[in-house]
Amino acid sequence: MISGLHFGGGEKIGIASAAVIFIGALLPWVKVTAPLLGSVVRWGFEMDGVMTMILSLMSLAVIAVSKRLVLKRLAIASAGGLIAFIAFINYLDLAALDIRDASVEPGVGLVMSLVGGVGLVASIVPMRAREEEPPLTQDLDKSPVDFD
């Protein structure tokens, strides 16, 4: 519960997925090991991880403040799909690299971003409209003073 808000199952999955994406953007996305040069690591924030980080923060904001279910689902699915697409394209770029006598491995941050993006998209399924408490109203028909 954040500042009086109650989150359902879909929102909790979305928050966890966005956190995984954010952390993944701070971790290694690729590791290249060559016999003479040693290992070179590229971090997510040196690559497209900056975009995934921004999109994950935007997703958290939408989950926290959006009251309209359709718009919330659309925004979360769009951000999650874009994050998964970015991570998948980076993964395919790594698979296409052909460096002689070197090994290229995807980093844990890239995998976390891909899984988190898919998790964001999946989180829209159990999302429900936020139930707001009705405003306090004054019943004017039943006055405590009887004028008869």
C-alpha atoms as a PDB file:
ATOM      1  CA  MET A   1       0.000   0.000   0.000  1.00  0.00           C
ATOM      2  CA  ILE A   2       1.489   3.305  -1.087  1.00  0.00           C
ATOM      3  CA  SER A   3      -0.112   6.457   0.343  1.00  0.00           C
ATOM      4  CA  GLY A   4      -3.460   4.807   0.891  1.00  0.00           C
ATOM      5  CA  LEU A   5      -3.656   3.033  -2.471  1.00  0.00           C
ATOM      6  CA  HIS A   6      -4.507  -0.631  -2.634  1.00  0.00           C
ATOM      7  CA  PHE A   7      -2.945  -2.494  -5.539  1.00  0.00           C
ATOM      8  CA  GLY A   8      -4.447  -5.652  -6.996  1.00  0.00           C
ATOM      9  CA  GLY A   9      -2.598  -8.666  -8.340  1.00  0.00           C
ATOM     10  CA  GLY A  10      -2.011  -7.200 -11.798  1.00  0.00           C
ATOM     11  CA  GLU A  11      -0.601  -3.991 -10.396  1.00  0.00           C
ATOM     12  CA  LYS A  12       1.729  -5.931  -8.080  1.00  0.00           C
ATOM     13  CA  ILE A  13       3.007  -7.987 -11.032  1.00  0.00           C
ATOM     14  CA  GLY A  14       3.513  -4.762 -12.991  1.00  0.00           C
ATOM     15  CA  ILE A  15       5.421  -3.117 -10.135  1.00  0.00           C
ATOM     16  CA  ALA A  16       7.662  -6.182  -9.713  1.00  0.00           C
ATOM     17  CA  SER A  17       8.282  -6.356 -13.481  1.00  0.00           C
ATOM     18  CA  ALA A  18       9.166  -2.652 -13.661  1.00  0.00           C
ATOM     19  CA  ALA A  19      11.587  -3.111 -10.750  1.00  0.00           C
ATOM     20  CA  VAL A  20      13.227  -6.066 -12.534  1.00  0.00           C
ATOM     21  CA  ILE A  21      13.604  -3.932 -15.670  1.00  0.00           C
ATOM     22  CA  PHE A  22      15.080  -1.011 -13.733  1.00  0.00           C
ATOM     23  CA  ILE A  23      17.620  -3.247 -11.974  1.00  0.00           C
ATOM     24  CA  GLY A  24      18.404  -5.019 -15.249  1.00  0.00           C
ATOM     25  CA  ALA A  25      19.302  -1.691 -16.852  1.00  0.00           C
ATOM     26  CA  LEU A  26      22.006  -1.244 -14.218  1.00  0.00           C
ATOM     27  CA  LEU A  27      23.575  -4.684 -14.770  1.00  0.00           C
ATOM     28  CA  PRO A  28      25.766  -6.075 -17.599  1.00  0.00           C
ATOM     29  CA  TRP A  29      24.043  -6.551 -20.947  1.00  0.00           C
ATOM     30  CA  VAL A  30      26.880  -8.183 -22.854  1.00  0.00           C
ATOM     31  CA  LYS A  31      30.220  -9.817 -22.102  1.00  0.00           C
ATOM     32  CA  VAL A  32      32.824 -10.394 -24.803  1.00  0.00           C
ATOM     33  CA  THR A  33      35.808 -12.588 -23.952  1.00  0.00           C
ATOM     34  CA  ALA A  34      38.805 -12.737 -26.305  1.00  0.00           C
ATOM     35  CA  PRO A  35      41.985 -14.781 -25.689  1.00  0.00           C
ATOM     36  CA  LEU A  36      44.443 -11.887 -25.999  1.00  0.00           C
ATOM     37  CA  LEU A  37      42.276  -8.999 -24.851  1.00  0.00           C
ATOM     38  CA  GLY A  38      40.465 -10.561 -21.907  1.00  0.00           C
ATOM     39  CA  SER A  39      36.859  -9.730 -21.062  1.00  0.00           C
ATOM     40  CA  VAL A  40      34.927  -6.614 -21.942  1.00  0.00           C
ATOM     41  CA  VAL A  41      31.580  -5.929 -20.269  1.00  0.00           C
ATOM     42  CA  ARG A  42      28.986  -3.467 -21.538  1.00  0.00           C
ATOM     43  CA  TRP A  43      26.486  -2.308 -18.961  1.00  0.00           C
ATOM     44  CA  GLY A  44      22.835  -1.636 -19.685  1.00  0.00           C
ATOM     45  CA  PHE A  45      23.112   2.070 -18.911  1.00  0.00           C
ATOM     46  CA  GLU A  46      25.862   2.303 -21.546  1.00  0.00           C
ATOM     47  CA  MET A  47      23.480   0.912 -24.147  1.00  0.00           C
ATOM     48  CA  ASP A  48      19.705   0.861 -24.614  1.00  0.00           C
ATOM     49  CA  GLY A  49      19.184   0.202 -20.918  1.00  0.00           C
ATOM     50  CA  VAL A  50      18.610   3.920 -20.422  1.00  0.00           C
ATOM     51  CA  MET A  51      15.444   3.700 -22.532  1.00  0.00           C
ATOM     52  CA  THR A  52      14.223   0.621 -20.684  1.00  0.00           C
ATOM     53  CA  MET A  53      14.911   2.352 -17.369  1.00  0.00           C
ATOM     54  CA  ILE A  54      12.853   5.398 -18.364  1.00  0.00           C
ATOM     55  CA  LEU A  55      10.009   3.225 -19.661  1.00  0.00           C
ATOM     56  CA  SER A  56       9.976   1.196 -16.437  1.00  0.00           C
ATOM     57  CA  LEU A  57       9.705   4.391 -14.362  1.00  0.00           C
ATOM     58  CA  MET A  58       6.884   5.609 -16.602  1.00  0.00           C
ATOM     59  CA  SER A  59       5.121   2.273 -16.080  1.00  0.00           C
ATOM     60  CA  LEU A  60       5.386   2.647 -12.324  1.00  0.00           C
ATOM     61  CA  ALA A  61       3.877   6.130 -12.550  1.00  0.00           C
ATOM     62  CA  VAL A  62       0.983   4.894 -14.689  1.00  0.00           C
ATOM     63  CA  ILE A  63       0.275   2.036 -12.285  1.00  0.00           C
ATOM     64  CA  ALA A  64       0.281   4.412  -9.333  1.00  0.00           C
ATOM     65  CA  VAL A  65      -1.916   7.209 -10.682  1.00  0.00           C
ATOM     66  CA  SER A  66      -4.073   5.913 -13.524  1.00  0.00           C
ATOM     67  CA  LYS A  67      -7.717   5.350 -12.664  1.00  0.00           C
ATOM     68  CA  ARG A  68      -8.963   4.360 -16.107  1.00  0.00           C
ATOM     69  CA  LEU A  69      -8.436   0.661 -16.668  1.00  0.00           C
ATOM     70  CA  VAL A  70      -8.357   0.739 -20.464  1.00  0.00           C
ATOM     71  CA  LEU A  71      -5.800   3.532 -20.623  1.00  0.00           C
ATOM     72  CA  LYS A  72      -3.703   1.922 -17.893  1.00  0.00           C
ATOM     73  CA  ARG A  73      -3.667  -1.407 -19.708  1.00  0.00           C
ATOM     74  CA  LEU A  74      -2.816   0.258 -23.010  1.00  0.00           C
ATOM     75  CA  ALA A  75       0.070   2.269 -21.524  1.00  0.00           C
ATOM     76  CA  ILE A  76       1.506  -0.674 -19.570  1.00  0.00           C
ATOM     77  CA  ALA A  77       1.233  -3.072 -22.522  1.00  0.00           C
ATOM     78  CA  SER A  78       2.852  -0.528 -24.852  1.00  0.00           C
ATOM     79  CA  ALA A  79       5.747   0.164 -22.494  1.00  0.00           C
ATOM     80  CA  GLY A  80       6.251  -3.529 -21.713  1.00  0.00           C
ATOM     81  CA  GLY A  81       6.125  -4.482 -25.376  1.00  0.00           C
ATOM     82  CA  LEU A  82       8.639  -1.778 -26.279  1.00  0.00           C
ATOM     83  CA  ILE A  83      10.986  -2.865 -23.481  1.00  0.00           C
ATOM     84  CA  ALA A  84      10.763  -6.515 -24.542  1.00  0.00           C
ATOM     85  CA  PHE A  85      11.353  -5.477 -28.170  1.00  0.00           C
ATOM     86  CA  ILE A  86      14.448  -3.433 -27.258  1.00  0.00           C
ATOM     87  CA  ALA A  87      15.889  -6.301 -25.207  1.00  0.00           C
ATOM     88  CA  PHE A  88      15.076  -8.879 -27.895  1.00  0.00           C
ATOM     89  CA  ILE A  89      16.708  -6.801 -30.661  1.00  0.00           C
ATOM     90  CA  ASN A  90      19.830  -6.391 -28.511  1.00  0.00           C
ATOM     91  CA  TYR A  91      19.830 -10.149 -27.883  1.00  0.00           C
ATOM     92  CA  LEU A  92      19.553 -10.853 -31.623  1.00  0.00           C
ATOM     93  CA  ASP A  93      22.403  -8.422 -32.308  1.00  0.00           C
ATOM     94  CA  LEU A  94      24.576 -10.409 -29.911  1.00  0.00           C
ATOM     95  CA  ALA A  95      23.645 -13.684 -31.571  1.00  0.00           C
ATOM     96  CA  ALA A  96      24.559 -12.252 -34.978  1.00  0.00           C
ATOM     97  CA  LEU A  97      28.037 -11.154 -33.877  1.00  0.00           C
ATOM     98  CA  ASP A  98      30.758 -13.278 -35.399  1.00  0.00           C
ATOM     99  CA  ILE A  99      34.018 -12.414 -33.714  1.00  0.00           C
ATOM    100  CA  ARG A 100      36.910 -14.758 -34.400  1.00  0.00           C
ATOM    101  CA  ASP A 101      38.237 -16.584 -31.325  1.00  0.00           C
ATOM    102  CA  ALA A 102      35.963 -14.663 -28.959  1.00  0.00           C
ATOM    103  CA  SER A 103      32.883 -15.627 -27.020  1.00  0.00           C
ATOM    104  CA  VAL A 104      29.926 -13.291 -26.795  1.00  0.00           C
ATOM    105  CA  GLU A 105      27.463 -13.853 -23.962  1.00  0.00           C
ATOM    106  CA  PRO A 106      24.311 -11.961 -23.077  1.00  0.00           C
ATOM    107  CA  GLY A 107      24.472 -10.433 -19.638  1.00  0.00           C
ATOM    108  CA  VAL A 108      22.026 -10.948 -16.814  1.00  0.00           C
ATOM    109  CA  GLY A 109      20.696  -7.399 -17.194  1.00  0.00           C
ATOM    110  CA  LEU A 110      19.629  -8.021 -20.789  1.00  0.00           C
ATOM    111  CA  VAL A 111      17.784 -11.191 -19.805  1.00  0.00           C
ATOM    112  CA  MET A 112      16.154  -9.409 -16.848  1.00  0.00           C
ATOM    113  CA  SER A 113      14.957  -6.601 -19.139  1.00  0.00           C
ATOM    114  CA  LEU A 114      13.473  -9.099 -21.583  1.00  0.00           C
ATOM    115  CA  VAL A 115      11.697 -11.056 -18.832  1.00  0.00           C
ATOM    116  CA  GLY A 116      10.520  -7.837 -17.150  1.00  0.00           C
ATOM    117  CA  GLY A 117       9.078  -6.493 -20.412  1.00  0.00           C
ATOM    118  CA  VAL A 118       7.126  -9.698 -20.947  1.00  0.00           C
ATOM    119  CA  GLY A 119       6.025  -9.513 -17.301  1.00  0.00           C
ATOM    120  CA  LEU A 120       4.686  -5.982 -17.804  1.00  0.00           C
ATOM    121  CA  VAL A 121       2.649  -7.097 -20.792  1.00  0.00           C
ATOM    122  CA  ALA A 122       1.332 -10.102 -18.855  1.00  0.00           C
ATOM    123  CA  SER A 123       0.414  -7.918 -15.871  1.00  0.00           C
ATOM    124  CA  ILE A 124      -2.436  -6.270 -17.755  1.00  0.00           C
ATOM    125  CA  VAL A 125      -4.498  -9.467 -17.761  1.00  0.00           C
ATOM    126  CA  PRO A 126      -5.305  -9.570 -14.011  1.00  0.00           C
ATOM    127  CA  MET A 127      -5.547  -5.769 -13.665  1.00  0.00           C
ATOM    128  CA  ARG A 128      -8.862  -4.492 -12.420  1.00  0.00           C
ATOM    129  CA  ALA A 129     -10.351  -1.039 -12.157  1.00  0.00           C
ATOM    130  CA  ARG A 130      -9.383   0.651  -8.916  1.00  0.00           C
ATOM    131  CA  GLU A 131     -12.260   0.778  -6.505  1.00  0.00           C
ATOM    132  CA  GLU A 132     -12.597   4.258  -5.145  1.00  0.00           C
ATOM    133  CA  GLU A 133     -14.459   4.972  -1.942  1.00  0.00           C
ATOM    134  CA  PRO A 134     -17.648   6.915  -2.632  1.00  0.00           C
ATOM    135  CA  PRO A 135     -17.592  10.556  -1.578  1.00  0.00           C
ATOM    136  CA  LEU A 136     -19.310  11.433   1.650  1.00  0.00           C
ATOM    137  CA  THR A 137     -22.770  12.785   0.956  1.00  0.00           C
ATOM    138  CA  GLN A 138     -25.208  14.454   3.237  1.00  0.00           C
ATOM    139  CA  ASP A 139     -28.677  13.001   3.276  1.00  0.00           C
ATOM    140  CA  LEU A 140     -30.889  16.101   3.234  1.00  0.00           C
ATOM    141  CA  ASP A 141     -34.166  14.180   3.121  1.00  0.00           C
ATOM    142  CA  LYS A 142     -33.842  12.864   6.668  1.00  0.00           C
ATOM    143  CA  SER A 143     -33.319  15.872   8.847  1.00  0.00           C
ATOM    144  CA  PRO A 144     -32.887  15.290  12.564  1.00  0.00           C
ATOM    145  CA  VAL A 145     -35.247  18.196  13.228  1.00  0.00           C
ATOM    146  CA  ASP A 146     -38.879  17.565  12.488  1.00  0.00           C
ATOM    147  CA  PHE A 147     -40.722  20.754  11.544  1.00  0.00           C
ATOM    148  CA  ASP A 148     -44.272  19.291  11.774  1.00  0.00           C
END
